[in-house]
Amino acid sequence: MRTNNGKLIVQGQQQLESEIINISQKQDQKYTQEIDAIKHRLTQLDKKCILLEESLSKQFNQFVIINVCSVLGLLFLLSSMQTNNQQSNQEVSQVVSSENQIRTI
C-alpha cells in the first residue's frame, strides 16, 4: 500500500466504494421511477373506478325508476280494465232488465 505524507492511500478501495455508491444510486432512481409509474397507474385506475361507480349508480337509479313507472302503469291499466268491465256488466244488466220489462208488457 502506498502512503502520501503519512496517510494511507487506498485508491482501489475508494474507487470500488464509489462504483458501489453509483450503482446503488442508479438502482434507487430506477426503483423511484417504477414506484412513481405505479402510483400514476393506481391514480388512473382509481379515477376509472370512481367513474364506473357513478355510472353504475345512475344506471341503478334509472332501473328503479323504470320499474316503478312500469308497476304504476300496470296498476293503472288493471284499474282501468276493471272499471270498464264493471261498466259493461252494468250496461248488460240494464239491457237485460229492459228486455225483461218489455217482455212483461
Protein backbone atom coordinates (compact mmCIF):
# COMPACT_ATOMS: atom_id res chain seq x y z
CA MET A 1 0.00 0.00 0.00
CA ARG A 2 1.14 3.47 -0.79
CA THR A 3 1.33 6.33 1.60
CA ASN A 4 1.32 10.03 0.91
CA ASN A 5 2.59 12.35 3.69
CA GLY A 6 1.90 9.66 6.22
CA LYS A 7 -1.61 8.94 5.01
CA LEU A 8 -2.53 5.57 3.70
CA ILE A 9 -3.89 5.72 0.17
CA VAL A 10 -6.32 3.05 -0.78
CA GLN A 11 -7.26 4.10 -4.27
CA GLY A 12 -8.72 0.82 -5.40
CA GLN A 13 -10.96 0.56 -2.38
CA GLN A 14 -12.19 4.13 -2.76
CA GLN A 15 -12.90 3.53 -6.44
CA LEU A 16 -14.80 0.36 -5.61
CA GLU A 17 -16.83 2.17 -2.95
CA SER A 18 -17.69 4.99 -5.36
CA GLU A 19 -18.77 2.47 -8.02
CA ILE A 20 -20.99 0.69 -5.48
CA ILE A 21 -22.50 4.03 -4.43
CA ASN A 22 -23.14 4.94 -8.09
CA ILE A 23 -24.80 1.58 -8.76
CA SER A 24 -26.88 1.94 -5.60
CA GLN A 25 -27.96 5.45 -6.60
CA LYS A 26 -28.92 4.25 -10.08
CA GLN A 27 -30.96 1.42 -8.59
CA ASP A 28 -32.62 3.84 -6.19
CA GLN A 29 -33.51 6.11 -9.13
CA LYS A 30 -34.84 3.14 -11.07
CA TYR A 31 -36.97 2.00 -8.13
CA THR A 32 -38.21 5.55 -7.57
CA GLN A 33 -39.24 5.79 -11.23
CA GLU A 34 -41.01 2.44 -11.03
CA ILE A 35 -42.81 3.48 -7.86
CA ASP A 36 -43.86 6.78 -9.46
CA ALA A 37 -45.15 4.91 -12.53
CA ILE A 38 -47.12 2.53 -10.29
CA LYS A 39 -48.57 5.45 -8.31
CA HIS A 40 -49.59 7.16 -11.55
CA ARG A 41 -51.25 3.97 -12.81
CA LEU A 42 -53.06 3.50 -9.48
CA THR A 43 -54.35 7.07 -9.68
CA GLN A 44 -55.68 6.40 -13.19
CA LEU A 45 -57.34 3.17 -12.04
CA ASP A 46 -58.87 4.95 -9.05
CA LYS A 47 -60.36 7.60 -11.35
CA LYS A 48 -61.77 4.87 -13.60
CA CYS A 49 -63.28 3.09 -10.58
CA ILE A 50 -64.94 6.32 -9.47
CA LEU A 51 -66.40 6.84 -12.95
CA LEU A 52 -67.66 3.25 -13.03
CA GLU A 53 -69.26 3.63 -9.60
CA GLU A 54 -71.02 6.82 -10.69
CA SER A 55 -72.21 5.21 -13.91
CA LEU A 56 -73.45 2.14 -12.05
CA SER A 57 -75.30 4.32 -9.57
CA LYS A 58 -77.02 6.27 -12.36
CA GLN A 59 -77.99 3.08 -14.17
CA PHE A 60 -79.39 1.57 -10.97
CA ASN A 61 -81.45 4.69 -10.33
CA GLN A 62 -82.80 4.58 -13.89
CA PHE A 63 -83.61 0.88 -13.49
CA VAL A 64 -85.54 1.54 -10.28
CA ILE A 65 -87.44 4.47 -11.80
CA ILE A 66 -88.37 2.45 -14.90
CA ASN A 67 -89.58 -0.47 -12.76
CA VAL A 68 -91.64 1.79 -10.50
CA CYS A 69 -93.20 3.50 -13.53
CA SER A 70 -93.93 0.11 -15.10
CA VAL A 71 -95.66 -1.13 -11.95
CA LEU A 72 -97.70 2.08 -11.71
CA GLY A 73 -98.65 1.77 -15.40
CA LEU A 74 -99.75 -1.83 -14.94
CA LEU A 75 -101.79 -0.90 -11.88
CA PHE A 76 -103.47 1.92 -13.81
CA LEU A 77 -104.17 -0.44 -16.72
CA LEU A 78 -105.64 -3.06 -14.37
CA SER A 79 -107.77 -0.44 -12.64
CA SER A 80 -108.97 0.88 -16.00
CA MET A 81 -109.86 -2.61 -17.21
CA GLN A 82 -111.78 -3.36 -14.01
CA THR A 83 -113.70 -0.10 -14.31
CA ASN A 84 -114.55 -0.84 -17.95
CA ASN A 85 -115.58 -4.38 -17.02
CA GLN A 86 -117.87 -3.11 -14.26
CA GLN A 87 -119.43 -0.56 -16.61
CA SER A 88 -120.05 -3.18 -19.29
CA ASN A 89 -121.58 -5.51 -16.67
CA GLN A 90 -123.88 -2.72 -15.55
CA GLU A 91 -124.88 -2.00 -19.16
CA VAL A 92 -125.57 -5.67 -19.78
CA SER A 93 -127.69 -5.90 -16.64
CA GLN A 94 -129.59 -2.75 -17.69
CA VAL A 95 -130.23 -4.21 -21.16
CA VAL A 96 -131.39 -7.48 -19.64
CA SER A 97 -133.69 -5.70 -17.22
CA SER A 98 -135.03 -3.54 -20.07
CA GLU A 99 -135.73 -6.66 -22.12
CA ASN A 100 -137.48 -8.25 -19.18
CA GLN A 101 -139.62 -5.14 -18.74
CA ILE A 102 -140.50 -5.14 -22.45
CA ARG A 103 -141.46 -8.81 -22.28
CA THR A 104 -143.68 -8.22 -19.33
CA ILE A 105 -145.53 -5.53 -21.15
